[in-house]
Amino acid sequence: MPVVIDGHVYYRTAEAFRVIGVSRNTLYRWLQKGVLNGSERRDSRGWRLFTQEEIDRLNRTINSVTGVGV
């Protein structure tokens, strides 16, 4: 379930990797390698948050690598 903070919608890591269709480990590995540049947001519990735009960008990256949707 998305989280709304200051009027902006964010998705937690578990939601992001499910939507993108990769494992949690793969998503973390990509983040460590800098596939998704930009500021890192976290909620009050320290959980990483993603915008819809970041999720869309990761999906485009996957599709360009795998050739899906081409």
N, C-alpha and C. Protein backbone atom coordinates (compact mmCIF):
# COMPACT_ATOMS: atom_id res chain seq x y z
N MET A 1 0.84 -1.17 0.00
CA MET A 1 0.00 0.00 0.00
C MET A 1 0.89 1.24 0.00
N PRO A 2 0.67 2.14 -0.93
CA PRO A 2 1.49 3.35 -1.00
C PRO A 2 1.35 4.21 0.26
N VAL A 3 2.38 5.01 0.49
CA VAL A 3 2.42 5.91 1.63
C VAL A 3 2.35 7.34 1.09
N VAL A 4 1.56 8.18 1.72
CA VAL A 4 1.47 9.58 1.31
C VAL A 4 2.17 10.42 2.37
N ILE A 5 3.18 11.17 1.94
CA ILE A 5 3.93 12.05 2.84
C ILE A 5 3.96 13.43 2.20
N ASP A 6 3.44 14.41 2.91
CA ASP A 6 3.39 15.79 2.41
C ASP A 6 2.76 15.87 1.02
N GLY A 7 1.73 15.07 0.80
CA GLY A 7 1.01 15.10 -0.46
C GLY A 7 1.66 14.33 -1.60
N HIS A 8 2.79 13.66 -1.34
CA HIS A 8 3.48 12.88 -2.37
C HIS A 8 3.29 11.39 -2.08
N VAL A 9 3.09 10.60 -3.13
CA VAL A 9 2.86 9.16 -2.99
C VAL A 9 4.20 8.43 -3.13
N TYR A 10 4.48 7.55 -2.19
CA TYR A 10 5.71 6.76 -2.19
C TYR A 10 5.37 5.29 -2.01
N TYR A 11 6.26 4.43 -2.53
CA TYR A 11 6.10 2.98 -2.42
C TYR A 11 7.29 2.44 -1.65
N ARG A 12 7.03 1.49 -0.77
CA ARG A 12 8.12 0.85 -0.02
C ARG A 12 8.83 -0.16 -0.91
N THR A 13 9.97 -0.63 -0.45
CA THR A 13 10.80 -1.55 -1.22
C THR A 13 10.04 -2.79 -1.68
N ALA A 14 9.29 -3.40 -0.78
CA ALA A 14 8.56 -4.62 -1.14
C ALA A 14 7.58 -4.37 -2.27
N GLU A 15 6.92 -3.23 -2.25
CA GLU A 15 5.99 -2.89 -3.33
C GLU A 15 6.75 -2.63 -4.62
N ALA A 16 7.87 -1.96 -4.52
CA ALA A 16 8.65 -1.62 -5.71
C ALA A 16 9.15 -2.87 -6.41
N PHE A 17 9.75 -3.80 -5.68
CA PHE A 17 10.31 -4.96 -6.38
C PHE A 17 9.21 -5.87 -6.92
N ARG A 18 8.06 -5.90 -6.30
CA ARG A 18 6.94 -6.69 -6.85
C ARG A 18 6.43 -6.08 -8.16
N VAL A 19 6.27 -4.76 -8.16
CA VAL A 19 5.79 -4.07 -9.37
C VAL A 19 6.78 -4.23 -10.50
N ILE A 20 8.07 -4.10 -10.19
CA ILE A 20 9.11 -4.18 -11.21
C ILE A 20 9.29 -5.61 -11.69
N GLY A 21 9.06 -6.56 -10.80
CA GLY A 21 9.18 -7.97 -11.18
C GLY A 21 10.57 -8.55 -10.99
N VAL A 22 11.31 -8.03 -10.00
CA VAL A 22 12.62 -8.56 -9.68
C VAL A 22 12.65 -8.92 -8.20
N SER A 23 13.70 -9.63 -7.81
CA SER A 23 13.82 -9.99 -6.40
C SER A 23 14.29 -8.79 -5.58
N ARG A 24 14.11 -8.89 -4.30
CA ARG A 24 14.57 -7.83 -3.38
C ARG A 24 16.08 -7.66 -3.52
N ASN A 25 16.81 -8.79 -3.58
CA ASN A 25 18.27 -8.72 -3.70
C ASN A 25 18.70 -8.02 -4.98
N THR A 26 18.01 -8.30 -6.08
CA THR A 26 18.34 -7.65 -7.34
C THR A 26 18.12 -6.15 -7.24
N LEU A 27 17.01 -5.75 -6.67
CA LEU A 27 16.73 -4.32 -6.51
C LEU A 27 17.80 -3.65 -5.66
N TYR A 28 18.18 -4.26 -4.54
CA TYR A 28 19.22 -3.69 -3.68
C TYR A 28 20.56 -3.61 -4.42
N ARG A 29 20.88 -4.64 -5.20
CA ARG A 29 22.14 -4.65 -5.95
C ARG A 29 22.16 -3.49 -6.95
N TRP A 30 21.04 -3.28 -7.65
CA TRP A 30 20.96 -2.16 -8.60
C TRP A 30 21.12 -0.83 -7.88
N LEU A 31 20.51 -0.70 -6.72
CA LEU A 31 20.63 0.55 -5.97
C LEU A 31 22.08 0.79 -5.56
N GLN A 32 22.78 -0.25 -5.15
CA GLN A 32 24.18 -0.12 -4.77
C GLN A 32 25.05 0.28 -5.96
N LYS A 33 24.68 -0.20 -7.15
CA LYS A 33 25.45 0.12 -8.35
C LYS A 33 25.07 1.46 -8.96
N GLY A 34 24.07 2.12 -8.38
CA GLY A 34 23.70 3.45 -8.85
C GLY A 34 22.76 3.48 -10.04
N VAL A 35 22.03 2.39 -10.27
CA VAL A 35 21.08 2.37 -11.37
C VAL A 35 20.02 3.45 -11.19
N LEU A 36 19.67 3.72 -9.97
CA LEU A 36 18.67 4.74 -9.67
C LEU A 36 19.36 5.87 -8.92
N ASN A 37 19.67 6.92 -9.65
CA ASN A 37 20.33 8.07 -9.03
C ASN A 37 19.29 9.02 -8.47
N GLY A 38 19.69 9.77 -7.50
CA GLY A 38 18.78 10.73 -6.90
C GLY A 38 18.80 10.61 -5.39
N SER A 39 17.97 11.40 -4.78
CA SER A 39 17.96 11.39 -3.32
C SER A 39 17.24 10.15 -2.81
N GLU A 40 17.74 9.64 -1.73
CA GLU A 40 17.13 8.47 -1.11
C GLU A 40 16.18 8.94 -0.03
N ARG A 41 14.95 8.45 -0.08
CA ARG A 41 13.94 8.81 0.92
C ARG A 41 13.64 7.60 1.80
N ARG A 42 13.39 7.89 3.05
CA ARG A 42 13.02 6.82 3.99
C ARG A 42 11.88 7.30 4.86
N ASP A 43 11.06 6.35 5.31
CA ASP A 43 9.97 6.71 6.20
C ASP A 43 10.48 6.76 7.64
N SER A 44 9.58 6.96 8.58
CA SER A 44 9.97 7.11 9.99
C SER A 44 10.61 5.85 10.57
N ARG A 45 10.36 4.70 9.93
CA ARG A 45 10.96 3.43 10.38
C ARG A 45 12.29 3.15 9.71
N GLY A 46 12.67 4.01 8.79
CA GLY A 46 13.93 3.81 8.07
C GLY A 46 13.78 3.02 6.80
N TRP A 47 12.55 2.70 6.40
CA TRP A 47 12.32 1.94 5.18
C TRP A 47 12.46 2.84 3.98
N ARG A 48 13.13 2.35 2.95
CA ARG A 48 13.36 3.10 1.72
C ARG A 48 12.04 3.32 0.99
N LEU A 49 11.89 4.49 0.42
CA LEU A 49 10.68 4.86 -0.32
C LEU A 49 11.02 5.22 -1.76
N PHE A 50 10.14 4.84 -2.68
CA PHE A 50 10.33 5.10 -4.11
C PHE A 50 9.12 5.85 -4.66
N THR A 51 9.37 6.76 -5.57
CA THR A 51 8.27 7.43 -6.27
C THR A 51 7.83 6.57 -7.45
N GLN A 52 6.68 6.87 -8.00
CA GLN A 52 6.22 6.15 -9.19
C GLN A 52 7.18 6.38 -10.35
N GLU A 53 7.73 7.58 -10.45
CA GLU A 53 8.69 7.89 -11.51
C GLU A 53 9.94 7.02 -11.41
N GLU A 54 10.41 6.79 -10.19
CA GLU A 54 11.58 5.93 -10.00
C GLU A 54 11.26 4.49 -10.38
N ILE A 55 10.10 4.03 -10.01
CA ILE A 55 9.68 2.67 -10.39
C ILE A 55 9.57 2.55 -11.91
N ASP A 56 8.99 3.56 -12.55
CA ASP A 56 8.88 3.55 -14.01
C ASP A 56 10.26 3.54 -14.66
N ARG A 57 11.20 4.32 -14.11
CA ARG A 57 12.56 4.37 -14.65
C ARG A 57 13.24 3.00 -14.53
N LEU A 58 13.06 2.33 -13.39
CA LEU A 58 13.63 0.99 -13.22
C LEU A 58 13.01 0.01 -14.20
N ASN A 59 11.70 0.11 -14.43
CA ASN A 59 11.03 -0.75 -15.41
C ASN A 59 11.61 -0.53 -16.80
N ARG A 60 11.84 0.72 -17.17
CA ARG A 60 12.42 1.01 -18.50
C ARG A 60 13.83 0.42 -18.60
N THR A 61 14.58 0.50 -17.51
CA THR A 61 15.93 -0.07 -17.51
C THR A 61 15.88 -1.57 -17.71
N ILE A 62 14.97 -2.22 -17.03
CA ILE A 62 14.82 -3.68 -17.18
C ILE A 62 14.45 -4.01 -18.61
N ASN A 63 13.49 -3.28 -19.16
CA ASN A 63 13.03 -3.57 -20.51
C ASN A 63 14.13 -3.34 -21.54
N SER A 64 14.99 -2.36 -21.32
CA SER A 64 16.07 -2.13 -22.28
C SER A 64 17.13 -3.22 -22.20
N VAL A 65 17.33 -3.79 -21.02
CA VAL A 65 18.31 -4.85 -20.85
C VAL A 65 17.78 -6.19 -21.36
N THR A 66 16.52 -6.49 -21.04
CA THR A 66 15.95 -7.79 -21.39
C THR A 66 15.33 -7.82 -22.78
N GLY A 67 15.04 -6.65 -23.33
CA GLY A 67 14.38 -6.60 -24.63
C GLY A 67 12.88 -6.78 -24.55
N VAL A 68 12.34 -6.87 -23.35
CA VAL A 68 10.89 -7.01 -23.17
C VAL A 68 10.23 -5.70 -23.55
N GLY A 69 9.17 -5.77 -24.28
CA GLY A 69 8.43 -4.57 -24.66
C GLY A 69 9.03 -3.84 -25.85
N VAL A 70 10.04 -4.46 -26.48
CA VAL A 70 10.66 -3.81 -27.64
C VAL A 70 10.01 -4.29 -28.89
